[in-house]
Amino acid sequence: QALTEAVWTHNDAVLGLVRDSARGRLLILGNFSDKAQ
């Protein structure tokens, strides 16, 4: 039931999601590149 929002990370290779719930906020980052980002 946590609210999930895709967020722009200012990097085309990194997906960002913010999850909001009564217990807190979580930032999920994923690098979809074969290079450090």
ModelCIF file with pLDDT and N, C-alpha, C, O atoms, coordinates in Angstrom:
data_MODEL
#
_entry.id   MODEL 
#
_entity.id                         1 
_entity.type                       polymer 
_entity.pdbx_number_of_molecules   1 
#
_entity_poly.entity_id                      1 
_entity_poly.type                           'polypeptide(L)' 
_entity_poly.nstd_linkage                   no 
_entity_poly.nstd_monomer                   no 
_entity_poly.pdbx_seq_one_letter_code       QALTEAVWTHNDAVLGLVRDSARGRLLILGNFSDKAQ 
_entity_poly.pdbx_seq_one_letter_code_can   QALTEAVWTHNDAVLGLVRDSARGRLLILGNFSDKAQ 
_entity_poly.pdbx_strand_id                 A 
#
loop_
_entity_poly_seq.entity_id 
_entity_poly_seq.num 
_entity_poly_seq.mon_id 
_entity_poly_seq.hetero 
1 1  GLN n 
1 2  ALA n 
1 3  LEU n 
1 4  THR n 
1 5  GLU n 
1 6  ALA n 
1 7  VAL n 
1 8  TRP n 
1 9  THR n 
1 10 HIS n 
1 11 ASN n 
1 12 ASP n 
1 13 ALA n 
1 14 VAL n 
1 15 LEU n 
1 16 GLY n 
1 17 LEU n 
1 18 VAL n 
1 19 ARG n 
1 20 ASP n 
1 21 SER n 
1 22 ALA n 
1 23 ARG n 
1 24 GLY n 
1 25 ARG n 
1 26 LEU n 
1 27 LEU n 
1 28 ILE n 
1 29 LEU n 
1 30 GLY n 
1 31 ASN n 
1 32 PHE n 
1 33 SER n 
1 34 ASP n 
1 35 LYS n 
1 36 ALA n 
1 37 GLN n 
#
_struct_asym.id          A 
_struct_asym.entity_id   1 
#
loop_
_ma_qa_metric.id 
_ma_qa_metric.mode 
_ma_qa_metric.name 
_ma_qa_metric.software_group_id 
_ma_qa_metric.type 
1 global pLDDT . pLDDT 
2 local  pLDDT . pLDDT 
#
_ma_qa_metric_global.metric_id      1 
_ma_qa_metric_global.metric_value   91.81 
_ma_qa_metric_global.model_id       1 
_ma_qa_metric_global.ordinal_id     1 
#
loop_
_ma_qa_metric_local.label_asym_id 
_ma_qa_metric_local.label_comp_id 
_ma_qa_metric_local.label_seq_id 
_ma_qa_metric_local.metric_id 
_ma_qa_metric_local.metric_value 
_ma_qa_metric_local.model_id 
_ma_qa_metric_local.ordinal_id 
A GLN 1  2 65.00 1 1  
A ALA 2  2 71.00 1 2  
A LEU 3  2 82.00 1 3  
A THR 4  2 88.00 1 4  
A GLU 5  2 92.00 1 5  
A ALA 6  2 95.00 1 6  
A VAL 7  2 96.00 1 7  
A TRP 8  2 96.00 1 8  
A THR 9  2 96.00 1 9  
A HIS 10 2 96.00 1 10 
A ASN 11 2 97.00 1 11 
A ASP 12 2 97.00 1 12 
A ALA 13 2 98.00 1 13 
A VAL 14 2 98.00 1 14 
A LEU 15 2 97.00 1 15 
A GLY 16 2 97.00 1 16 
A LEU 17 2 95.00 1 17 
A VAL 18 2 94.00 1 18 
A ARG 19 2 91.00 1 19 
A ASP 20 2 86.00 1 20 
A SER 21 2 80.00 1 21 
A ALA 22 2 75.00 1 22 
A ARG 23 2 77.00 1 23 
A GLY 24 2 82.00 1 24 
A ARG 25 2 90.00 1 25 
A LEU 26 2 92.00 1 26 
A LEU 27 2 96.00 1 27 
A ILE 28 2 96.00 1 28 
A LEU 29 2 98.00 1 29 
A GLY 30 2 98.00 1 30 
A ASN 31 2 98.00 1 31 
A PHE 32 2 98.00 1 32 
A SER 33 2 98.00 1 33 
A ASP 34 2 98.00 1 34 
A LYS 35 2 98.00 1 35 
A ALA 36 2 98.00 1 36 
A GLN 37 2 98.00 1 37 
#
loop_
_atom_site.group_PDB 
_atom_site.id 
_atom_site.type_symbol 
_atom_site.label_atom_id 
_atom_site.label_alt_id 
_atom_site.label_comp_id 
_atom_site.label_asym_id 
_atom_site.label_entity_id 
_atom_site.label_seq_id 
_atom_site.pdbx_PDB_ins_code 
_atom_site.Cartn_x 
_atom_site.Cartn_y 
_atom_site.Cartn_z 
_atom_site.occupancy 
_atom_site.B_iso_or_equiv 
_atom_site.pdbx_formal_charge 
_atom_site.auth_seq_id 
_atom_site.auth_comp_id 
_atom_site.auth_asym_id 
_atom_site.auth_atom_id 
_atom_site.pdbx_PDB_model_num 
ATOM 1   N N  . GLN A 1 1  ? 0.798  -1.220 0.000   1.00 65.00 ? 1  GLN A N  1 
ATOM 2   C CA . GLN A 1 1  ? 0.000  0.000  0.000   1.00 65.00 ? 1  GLN A CA 1 
ATOM 3   C C  . GLN A 1 1  ? 0.840  1.283  0.000   1.00 65.00 ? 1  GLN A C  1 
ATOM 4   O O  . GLN A 1 1  ? 0.286  2.383  -0.033  1.00 65.00 ? 1  GLN A O  1 
ATOM 5   N N  . ALA A 1 2  ? 2.161  1.151  0.036   1.00 71.00 ? 2  ALA A N  1 
ATOM 6   C CA . ALA A 1 2  ? 3.027  2.336  0.023   1.00 71.00 ? 2  ALA A CA 1 
ATOM 7   C C  . ALA A 1 2  ? 2.934  3.017  -1.340  1.00 71.00 ? 2  ALA A C  1 
ATOM 8   O O  . ALA A 1 2  ? 2.902  2.356  -2.377  1.00 71.00 ? 2  ALA A O  1 
ATOM 9   N N  . LEU A 1 3  ? 2.892  4.324  -1.322  1.00 82.00 ? 3  LEU A N  1 
ATOM 10  C CA . LEU A 1 3  ? 2.857  5.107  -2.546  1.00 82.00 ? 3  LEU A CA 1 
ATOM 11  C C  . LEU A 1 3  ? 4.200  4.976  -3.251  1.00 82.00 ? 3  LEU A C  1 
ATOM 12  O O  . LEU A 1 3  ? 5.246  5.151  -2.625  1.00 82.00 ? 3  LEU A O  1 
ATOM 13  N N  . THR A 1 4  ? 4.185  4.673  -4.540  1.00 88.00 ? 4  THR A N  1 
ATOM 14  C CA . THR A 1 4  ? 5.412  4.541  -5.328  1.00 88.00 ? 4  THR A CA 1 
ATOM 15  C C  . THR A 1 4  ? 5.399  5.563  -6.443  1.00 88.00 ? 4  THR A C  1 
ATOM 16  O O  . THR A 1 4  ? 4.410  5.702  -7.164  1.00 88.00 ? 4  THR A O  1 
ATOM 17  N N  . GLU A 1 5  ? 6.507  6.282  -6.582  1.00 92.00 ? 5  GLU A N  1 
ATOM 18  C CA . GLU A 1 5  ? 6.618  7.296  -7.613  1.00 92.00 ? 5  GLU A CA 1 
ATOM 19  C C  . GLU A 1 5  ? 7.963  7.163  -8.317  1.00 92.00 ? 5  GLU A C  1 
ATOM 20  O O  . GLU A 1 5  ? 9.008  7.141  -7.666  1.00 92.00 ? 5  GLU A O  1 
ATOM 21  N N  . ALA A 1 6  ? 7.938  7.073  -9.645  1.00 95.00 ? 6  ALA A N  1 
ATOM 22  C CA . ALA A 1 6  ? 9.177  7.112  -10.416 1.00 95.00 ? 6  ALA A CA 1 
ATOM 23  C C  . ALA A 1 6  ? 9.699  8.538  -10.388 1.00 95.00 ? 6  ALA A C  1 
ATOM 24  O O  . ALA A 1 6  ? 8.929  9.486  -10.548 1.00 95.00 ? 6  ALA A O  1 
ATOM 25  N N  . VAL A 1 7  ? 11.013 8.699  -10.183 1.00 96.00 ? 7  VAL A N  1 
ATOM 26  C CA . VAL A 1 7  ? 11.607 10.029 -10.105 1.00 96.00 ? 7  VAL A CA 1 
ATOM 27  C C  . VAL A 1 7  ? 12.778 10.131 -11.074 1.00 96.00 ? 7  VAL A C  1 
ATOM 28  O O  . VAL A 1 7  ? 13.493 9.159  -11.317 1.00 96.00 ? 7  VAL A O  1 
ATOM 29  N N  . TRP A 1 8  ? 12.955 11.319 -11.615 1.00 96.00 ? 8  TRP A N  1 
ATOM 30  C CA . TRP A 1 8  ? 14.060 11.610 -12.509 1.00 96.00 ? 8  TRP A CA 1 
ATOM 31  C C  . TRP A 1 8  ? 15.328 11.780 -11.677 1.00 96.00 ? 8  TRP A C  1 
ATOM 32  O O  . TRP A 1 8  ? 15.351 12.576 -10.738 1.00 96.00 ? 8  TRP A O  1 
ATOM 33  N N  . THR A 1 9  ? 16.379 11.041 -12.014 1.00 96.00 ? 9  THR A N  1 
ATOM 34  C CA . THR A 1 9  ? 17.628 11.079 -11.252 1.00 96.00 ? 9  THR A CA 1 
ATOM 35  C C  . THR A 1 9  ? 18.673 12.007 -11.872 1.00 96.00 ? 9  THR A C  1 
ATOM 36  O O  . THR A 1 9  ? 19.771 12.151 -11.335 1.00 96.00 ? 9  THR A O  1 
ATOM 37  N N  . HIS A 1 10 ? 18.338 12.630 -12.990 1.00 96.00 ? 10 HIS A N  1 
ATOM 38  C CA . HIS A 1 10 ? 19.273 13.456 -13.756 1.00 96.00 ? 10 HIS A CA 1 
ATOM 39  C C  . HIS A 1 10 ? 20.397 12.607 -14.336 1.00 96.00 ? 10 HIS A C  1 
ATOM 40  O O  . HIS A 1 10 ? 21.503 13.095 -14.569 1.00 96.00 ? 10 HIS A O  1 
ATOM 41  N N  . ASN A 1 11 ? 20.103 11.336 -14.564 1.00 97.00 ? 11 ASN A N  1 
ATOM 42  C CA . ASN A 1 11 ? 21.043 10.407 -15.202 1.00 97.00 ? 11 ASN A CA 1 
ATOM 43  C C  . ASN A 1 11 ? 20.193 9.397  -15.976 1.00 97.00 ? 11 ASN A C  1 
ATOM 44  O O  . ASN A 1 11 ? 19.405 8.660  -15.384 1.00 97.00 ? 11 ASN A O  1 
ATOM 45  N N  . ASP A 1 12 ? 20.356 9.367  -17.288 1.00 97.00 ? 12 ASP A N  1 
ATOM 46  C CA . ASP A 1 12 ? 19.540 8.484  -18.129 1.00 97.00 ? 12 ASP A CA 1 
ATOM 47  C C  . ASP A 1 12 ? 19.711 6.997  -17.821 1.00 97.00 ? 12 ASP A C  1 
ATOM 48  O O  . ASP A 1 12 ? 18.830 6.199  -18.140 1.00 97.00 ? 12 ASP A O  1 
ATOM 49  N N  . ALA A 1 13 ? 20.825 6.615  -17.211 1.00 98.00 ? 13 ALA A N  1 
ATOM 50  C CA . ALA A 1 13 ? 21.096 5.203  -16.955 1.00 98.00 ? 13 ALA A CA 1 
ATOM 51  C C  . ALA A 1 13 ? 20.606 4.734  -15.592 1.00 98.00 ? 13 ALA A C  1 
ATOM 52  O O  . ALA A 1 13 ? 20.645 3.538  -15.304 1.00 98.00 ? 13 ALA A O  1 
ATOM 53  N N  . VAL A 1 14 ? 20.144 5.659  -14.742 1.00 98.00 ? 14 VAL A N  1 
ATOM 54  C CA . VAL A 1 14 ? 19.753 5.300  -13.373 1.00 98.00 ? 14 VAL A CA 1 
ATOM 55  C C  . VAL A 1 14 ? 18.256 5.503  -13.178 1.00 98.00 ? 14 VAL A C  1 
ATOM 56  O O  . VAL A 1 14 ? 17.744 6.616  -13.297 1.00 98.00 ? 14 VAL A O  1 
ATOM 57  N N  . LEU A 1 15 ? 17.568 4.415  -12.878 1.00 97.00 ? 15 LEU A N  1 
ATOM 58  C CA . LEU A 1 15 ? 16.142 4.454  -12.547 1.00 97.00 ? 15 LEU A CA 1 
ATOM 59  C C  . LEU A 1 15 ? 15.999 4.807  -11.078 1.00 97.00 ? 15 LEU A C  1 
ATOM 60  O O  . LEU A 1 15 ? 16.719 4.272  -10.235 1.00 97.00 ? 15 LEU A O  1 
ATOM 61  N N  . GLY A 1 16 ? 15.071 5.709  -10.767 1.00 97.00 ? 16 GLY A N  1 
ATOM 62  C CA . GLY A 1 16 ? 14.806 6.074  -9.385  1.00 97.00 ? 16 GLY A CA 1 
ATOM 63  C C  . GLY A 1 16 ? 13.344 5.891  -9.040  1.00 97.00 ? 16 GLY A C  1 
ATOM 64  O O  . GLY A 1 16 ? 12.464 6.268  -9.814  1.00 97.00 ? 16 GLY A O  1 
ATOM 65  N N  . LEU A 1 17 ? 13.087 5.316  -7.887  1.00 95.00 ? 17 LEU A N  1 
ATOM 66  C CA . LEU A 1 17 ? 11.738 5.163  -7.354  1.00 95.00 ? 17 LEU A CA 1 
ATOM 67  C C  . LEU A 1 17 ? 11.747 5.633  -5.907  1.00 95.00 ? 17 LEU A C  1 
ATOM 68  O O  . LEU A 1 17 ? 12.665 5.321  -5.149  1.00 95.00 ? 17 LEU A O  1 
ATOM 69  N N  . VAL A 1 18 ? 10.717 6.386  -5.529  1.00 94.00 ? 18 VAL A N  1 
ATOM 70  C CA . VAL A 1 18 ? 10.538 6.767  -4.125  1.00 94.00 ? 18 VAL A CA 1 
ATOM 71  C C  . VAL A 1 18 ? 9.298  6.056  -3.621  1.00 94.00 ? 18 VAL A C  1 
ATOM 72  O O  . VAL A 1 18 ? 8.243  6.101  -4.253  1.00 94.00 ? 18 VAL A O  1 
ATOM 73  N N  . ARG A 1 19 ? 9.434  5.395  -2.473  1.00 91.00 ? 19 ARG A N  1 
ATOM 74  C CA . ARG A 1 19 ? 8.316  4.703  -1.824  1.00 91.00 ? 19 ARG A CA 1 
ATOM 75  C C  . ARG A 1 19 ? 8.027  5.441  -0.527  1.00 91.00 ? 19 ARG A C  1 
ATOM 76  O O  . ARG A 1 19 ? 8.904  5.603  0.321   1.00 91.00 ? 19 ARG A O  1 
ATOM 77  N N  . ASP A 1 20 ? 6.783  5.885  -0.384  1.00 86.00 ? 20 ASP A N  1 
ATOM 78  C CA . ASP A 1 20 ? 6.344  6.601  0.816   1.00 86.00 ? 20 ASP A CA 1 
ATOM 79  C C  . ASP A 1 20 ? 5.320  5.768  1.567   1.00 86.00 ? 20 ASP A C  1 
ATOM 80  O O  . ASP A 1 20 ? 4.371  5.252  0.976   1.00 86.00 ? 20 ASP A O  1 
ATOM 81  N N  . SER A 1 21 ? 5.517  5.641  2.876   1.00 80.00 ? 21 SER A N  1 
ATOM 82  C CA . SER A 1 21 ? 4.545  4.953  3.715   1.00 80.00 ? 21 SER A CA 1 
ATOM 83  C C  . SER A 1 21 ? 4.564  5.596  5.090   1.00 80.00 ? 21 SER A C  1 
ATOM 84  O O  . SER A 1 21 ? 5.380  6.477  5.361   1.00 80.00 ? 21 SER A O  1 
ATOM 85  N N  . ALA A 1 22 ? 3.683  5.162  5.937   1.00 75.00 ? 22 ALA A N  1 
ATOM 86  C CA . ALA A 1 22 ? 3.634  5.678  7.309   1.00 75.00 ? 22 ALA A CA 1 
ATOM 87  C C  . ALA A 1 22 ? 4.919  5.370  8.068   1.00 75.00 ? 22 ALA A C  1 
ATOM 88  O O  . ALA A 1 22 ? 5.233  6.040  9.052   1.00 75.00 ? 22 ALA A O  1 
ATOM 89  N N  . ARG A 1 23 ? 5.654  4.377  7.626   1.00 77.00 ? 23 ARG A N  1 
ATOM 90  C CA . ARG A 1 23 ? 6.890  3.982  8.306   1.00 77.00 ? 23 ARG A CA 1 
ATOM 91  C C  . ARG A 1 23 ? 8.133  4.667  7.757   1.00 77.00 ? 23 ARG A C  1 
ATOM 92  O O  . ARG A 1 23 ? 9.228  4.462  8.281   1.00 77.00 ? 23 ARG A O  1 
ATOM 93  N N  . GLY A 1 24 ? 7.986  5.477  6.713   1.00 82.00 ? 24 GLY A N  1 
ATOM 94  C CA . GLY A 1 24 ? 9.142  6.196  6.199   1.00 82.00 ? 24 GLY A CA 1 
ATOM 95  C C  . GLY A 1 24 ? 9.194  6.245  4.686   1.00 82.00 ? 24 GLY A C  1 
ATOM 96  O O  . GLY A 1 24 ? 8.279  5.815  3.983   1.00 82.00 ? 24 GLY A O  1 
ATOM 97  N N  . ARG A 1 25 ? 10.320 6.794  4.212   1.00 90.00 ? 25 ARG A N  1 
ATOM 98  C CA . ARG A 1 25 ? 10.547 6.951  2.780   1.00 90.00 ? 25 ARG A CA 1 
ATOM 99  C C  . ARG A 1 25 ? 11.771 6.151  2.374   1.00 90.00 ? 25 ARG A C  1 
ATOM 100 O O  . ARG A 1 25 ? 12.749 6.062  3.116   1.00 90.00 ? 25 ARG A O  1 
ATOM 101 N N  . LEU A 1 26 ? 11.701 5.574  1.190   1.00 92.00 ? 26 LEU A N  1 
ATOM 102 C CA . LEU A 1 26 ? 12.786 4.761  0.668   1.00 92.00 ? 26 LEU A CA 1 
ATOM 103 C C  . LEU A 1 26 ? 13.064 5.218  -0.753  1.00 92.00 ? 26 LEU A C  1 
ATOM 104 O O  . LEU A 1 26 ? 12.137 5.378  -1.548  1.00 92.00 ? 26 LEU A O  1 
ATOM 105 N N  . LEU A 1 27 ? 14.339 5.431  -1.080  1.00 96.00 ? 27 LEU A N  1 
ATOM 106 C CA . LEU A 1 27 ? 14.759 5.764  -2.437  1.00 96.00 ? 27 LEU A CA 1 
ATOM 107 C C  . LEU A 1 27 ? 15.430 4.533  -3.024  1.00 96.00 ? 27 LEU A C  1 
ATOM 108 O O  . LEU A 1 27 ? 16.447 4.062  -2.517  1.00 96.00 ? 27 LEU A O  1 
ATOM 109 N N  . ILE A 1 28 ? 14.855 4.027  -4.085  1.00 96.00 ? 28 ILE A N  1 
ATOM 110 C CA . ILE A 1 28 ? 15.412 2.863  -4.764  1.00 96.00 ? 28 ILE A CA 1 
ATOM 111 C C  . ILE A 1 28 ? 16.090 3.358  -6.034  1.00 96.00 ? 28 ILE A C  1 
ATOM 112 O O  . ILE A 1 28 ? 15.472 4.033  -6.858  1.00 96.00 ? 28 ILE A O  1 
ATOM 113 N N  . LEU A 1 29 ? 17.372 3.014  -6.186  1.00 98.00 ? 29 LEU A N  1 
ATOM 114 C CA . LEU A 1 29 ? 18.133 3.392  -7.371  1.00 98.00 ? 29 LEU A CA 1 
ATOM 115 C C  . LEU A 1 29 ? 18.630 2.135  -8.064  1.00 98.00 ? 29 LEU A C  1 
ATOM 116 O O  . LEU A 1 29 ? 19.046 1.178  -7.410  1.00 98.00 ? 29 LEU A O  1 
ATOM 117 N N  . GLY A 1 30 ? 18.587 2.139  -9.378  1.00 98.00 ? 30 GLY A N  1 
ATOM 118 C CA . GLY A 1 30 ? 19.103 1.017  -10.160 1.00 98.00 ? 30 GLY A CA 1 
ATOM 119 C C  . GLY A 1 30 ? 19.882 1.523  -11.352 1.00 98.00 ? 30 GLY A C  1 
ATOM 120 O O  . GLY A 1 30 ? 19.355 2.282  -12.164 1.00 98.00 ? 30 GLY A O  1 
ATOM 121 N N  . ASN A 1 31 ? 21.135 1.109  -11.466 1.00 98.00 ? 31 ASN A N  1 
ATOM 122 C CA . ASN A 1 31 ? 21.987 1.475  -12.595 1.00 98.00 ? 31 ASN A CA 1 
ATOM 123 C C  . ASN A 1 31 ? 21.822 0.420  -13.687 1.00 98.00 ? 31 ASN A C  1 
ATOM 124 O O  . ASN A 1 31 ? 22.164 -0.746 -13.488 1.00 98.00 ? 31 ASN A O  1 
ATOM 125 N N  . PHE A 1 32 ? 21.303 0.831  -14.827 1.00 98.00 ? 32 PHE A N  1 
ATOM 126 C CA . PHE A 1 32 ? 21.073 -0.079 -15.943 1.00 98.00 ? 32 PHE A CA 1 
ATOM 127 C C  . PHE A 1 32 ? 22.149 0.079  -17.011 1.00 98.00 ? 32 PHE A C  1 
ATOM 128 O O  . PHE A 1 32 ? 21.872 -0.049 -18.203 1.00 98.00 ? 32 PHE A O  1 
ATOM 129 N N  . SER A 1 33 ? 23.368 0.355  -16.581 1.00 98.00 ? 33 SER A N  1 
ATOM 130 C CA . SER A 1 33 ? 24.484 0.585  -17.485 1.00 98.00 ? 33 SER A CA 1 
ATOM 131 C C  . SER A 1 33 ? 25.652 -0.322 -17.113 1.00 98.00 ? 33 SER A C  1 
ATOM 132 O O  . SER A 1 33 ? 25.765 -0.781 -15.977 1.00 98.00 ? 33 SER A O  1 
ATOM 133 N N  . ASP A 1 34 ? 26.517 -0.571 -18.093 1.00 98.00 ? 34 ASP A N  1 
ATOM 134 C CA . ASP A 1 34 ? 27.717 -1.357 -17.817 1.00 98.00 ? 34 ASP A CA 1 
ATOM 135 C C  . ASP A 1 34 ? 28.880 -0.480 -17.351 1.00 98.00 ? 34 ASP A C  1 
ATOM 136 O O  . ASP A 1 34 ? 30.022 -0.932 -17.273 1.00 98.00 ? 34 ASP A O  1 
ATOM 137 N N  . LYS A 1 35 ? 28.570 0.786  -17.043 1.00 98.00 ? 35 LYS A N  1 
ATOM 138 C CA . LYS A 1 35 ? 29.560 1.719  -16.500 1.00 98.00 ? 35 LYS A CA 1 
ATOM 139 C C  . LYS A 1 35 ? 29.024 2.324  -15.206 1.00 98.00 ? 35 LYS A C  1 
ATOM 140 O O  . LYS A 1 35 ? 27.813 2.406  -15.001 1.00 98.00 ? 35 LYS A O  1 
ATOM 141 N N  . ALA A 1 36 ? 29.937 2.746  -14.338 1.00 98.00 ? 36 ALA A N  1 
ATOM 142 C CA . ALA A 1 36 ? 29.525 3.424  -13.098 1.00 98.00 ? 36 ALA A CA 1 
ATOM 143 C C  . ALA A 1 36 ? 28.756 4.691  -13.461 1.00 98.00 ? 36 ALA A C  1 
ATOM 144 O O  . ALA A 1 36 ? 29.093 5.373  -14.429 1.00 98.00 ? 36 ALA A O  1 
ATOM 145 N N  . GLN A 1 37 ? 27.722 5.002  -12.679 1.00 98.00 ? 37 GLN A N  1 
ATOM 146 C CA . GLN A 1 37 ? 26.869 6.157  -12.925 1.00 98.00 ? 37 GLN A CA 1 
ATOM 147 C C  . GLN A 1 37 ? 26.636 6.894  -11.613 1.00 98.00 ? 37 GLN A C  1 
ATOM 148 O O  . GLN A 1 37 ? 25.938 7.908  -11.590 1.00 98.00 ? 37 GLN A O  1 
#
